Amino acid sequence: MAKKAKGNRVQVILECTEHKESGMPGISRYITTKNRKNTPDRLERKKYNPILKKVTIHREIK
């Protein structure tokens, strides 16, 4: 059985910012976890976008 998550660690979804602006079909998203207590603001990471075939900035959505 899966254990229930305890503490401040939560799952977040990162979505590509450049892909939205380009108007191309499809979405580049990644799922990761963050500690809500240490990083209360939104995450921003450089990740690979397979549709644009380059590294772009991905920001937390919700």
C-alpha atoms as a PDB file:
ATOM      1  CA  MET A   1       0.000   0.000   0.000  1.00  0.00           C
ATOM      2  CA  ALA A   2       1.094   3.537  -0.683  1.00  0.00           C
ATOM      3  CA  LYS A   3       1.940   5.665   2.312  1.00  0.00           C
ATOM      4  CA  LYS A   4       0.202   8.952   2.892  1.00  0.00           C
ATOM      5  CA  ALA A   5       2.421  11.996   2.290  1.00  0.00           C
ATOM      6  CA  LYS A   6       3.501  13.716   5.480  1.00  0.00           C
ATOM      7  CA  GLY A   7       5.047  17.089   6.031  1.00  0.00           C
ATOM      8  CA  ASN A   8       5.615  19.994   3.703  1.00  0.00           C
ATOM      9  CA  ARG A   9       6.698  18.170   0.520  1.00  0.00           C
ATOM     10  CA  VAL A  10       4.154  18.524  -2.304  1.00  0.00           C
ATOM     11  CA  GLN A  11       4.000  17.593  -5.990  1.00  0.00           C
ATOM     12  CA  VAL A  12       4.093  20.470  -8.482  1.00  0.00           C
ATOM     13  CA  ILE A  13       3.734  20.678 -12.271  1.00  0.00           C
ATOM     14  CA  LEU A  14       6.262  22.652 -14.324  1.00  0.00           C
ATOM     15  CA  GLU A  15       5.110  23.955 -17.730  1.00  0.00           C
ATOM     16  CA  CYS A  16       7.208  25.456 -20.532  1.00  0.00           C
ATOM     17  CA  THR A  17       6.838  29.234 -20.942  1.00  0.00           C
ATOM     18  CA  GLU A  18       8.303  29.549 -24.468  1.00  0.00           C
ATOM     19  CA  HIS A  19       6.099  26.796 -25.893  1.00  0.00           C
ATOM     20  CA  LYS A  20       2.901  28.639 -24.925  1.00  0.00           C
ATOM     21  CA  GLU A  21       4.057  31.797 -26.722  1.00  0.00           C
ATOM     22  CA  SER A  22       5.192  29.960 -29.883  1.00  0.00           C
ATOM     23  CA  GLY A  23       1.660  28.750 -30.707  1.00  0.00           C
ATOM     24  CA  MET A  24       2.827  25.225 -31.639  1.00  0.00           C
ATOM     25  CA  PRO A  25       0.506  22.332 -30.706  1.00  0.00           C
ATOM     26  CA  GLY A  26       1.321  20.197 -27.667  1.00  0.00           C
ATOM     27  CA  ILE A  27       2.521  20.901 -24.127  1.00  0.00           C
ATOM     28  CA  SER A  28       5.831  20.292 -22.370  1.00  0.00           C
ATOM     29  CA  ARG A  29       5.247  19.510 -18.679  1.00  0.00           C
ATOM     30  CA  TYR A  30       7.296  17.940 -15.892  1.00  0.00           C
ATOM     31  CA  ILE A  31       6.185  16.728 -12.450  1.00  0.00           C
ATOM     32  CA  THR A  32       8.488  17.245  -9.469  1.00  0.00           C
ATOM     33  CA  THR A  33       8.294  17.820  -5.714  1.00  0.00           C
ATOM     34  CA  LYS A  34       9.181  20.806  -3.597  1.00  0.00           C
ATOM     35  CA  ASN A  35       9.309  21.652   0.082  1.00  0.00           C
ATOM     36  CA  ARG A  36       6.569  24.200   0.697  1.00  0.00           C
ATOM     37  CA  LYS A  37       8.243  25.485   3.869  1.00  0.00           C
ATOM     38  CA  ASN A  38      11.626  26.266   2.237  1.00  0.00           C
ATOM     39  CA  THR A  39      10.288  27.518  -1.135  1.00  0.00           C
ATOM     40  CA  PRO A  40       6.881  29.163  -0.724  1.00  0.00           C
ATOM     41  CA  ASP A  41       7.114  30.952  -4.094  1.00  0.00           C
ATOM     42  CA  ARG A  42       6.719  29.282  -7.504  1.00  0.00           C
ATOM     43  CA  LEU A  43       9.524  27.105  -8.865  1.00  0.00           C
ATOM     44  CA  GLU A  44      11.353  27.983 -12.062  1.00  0.00           C
ATOM     45  CA  ARG A  45      13.735  25.477 -13.676  1.00  0.00           C
ATOM     46  CA  LYS A  46      15.545  25.044 -16.978  1.00  0.00           C
ATOM     47  CA  LYS A  47      14.337  21.787 -18.538  1.00  0.00           C
ATOM     48  CA  TYR A  48      14.472  20.170 -21.984  1.00  0.00           C
ATOM     49  CA  ASN A  49      11.460  20.725 -24.265  1.00  0.00           C
ATOM     50  CA  PRO A  50      11.279  17.793 -26.735  1.00  0.00           C
ATOM     51  CA  ILE A  51       8.895  19.614 -29.083  1.00  0.00           C
ATOM     52  CA  LEU A  52      11.097  22.720 -29.474  1.00  0.00           C
ATOM     53  CA  LYS A  53      14.232  20.525 -29.143  1.00  0.00           C
ATOM     54  CA  LYS A  54      16.021  22.898 -26.771  1.00  0.00           C
ATOM     55  CA  VAL A  55      16.342  23.766 -23.085  1.00  0.00           C
ATOM     56  CA  THR A  56      13.722  26.293 -21.958  1.00  0.00           C
ATOM     57  CA  ILE A  57      12.426  27.791 -18.715  1.00  0.00           C
ATOM     58  CA  HIS A  58       9.621  25.815 -17.075  1.00  0.00           C
ATOM     59  CA  ARG A  59       7.509  27.486 -14.351  1.00  0.00           C
ATOM     60  CA  GLU A  60       5.203  26.029 -11.721  1.00  0.00           C
ATOM     61  CA  ILE A  61       1.503  26.147 -12.618  1.00  0.00           C
ATOM     62  CA  LYS A  62      -1.684  25.860 -10.562  1.00  0.00           C
END
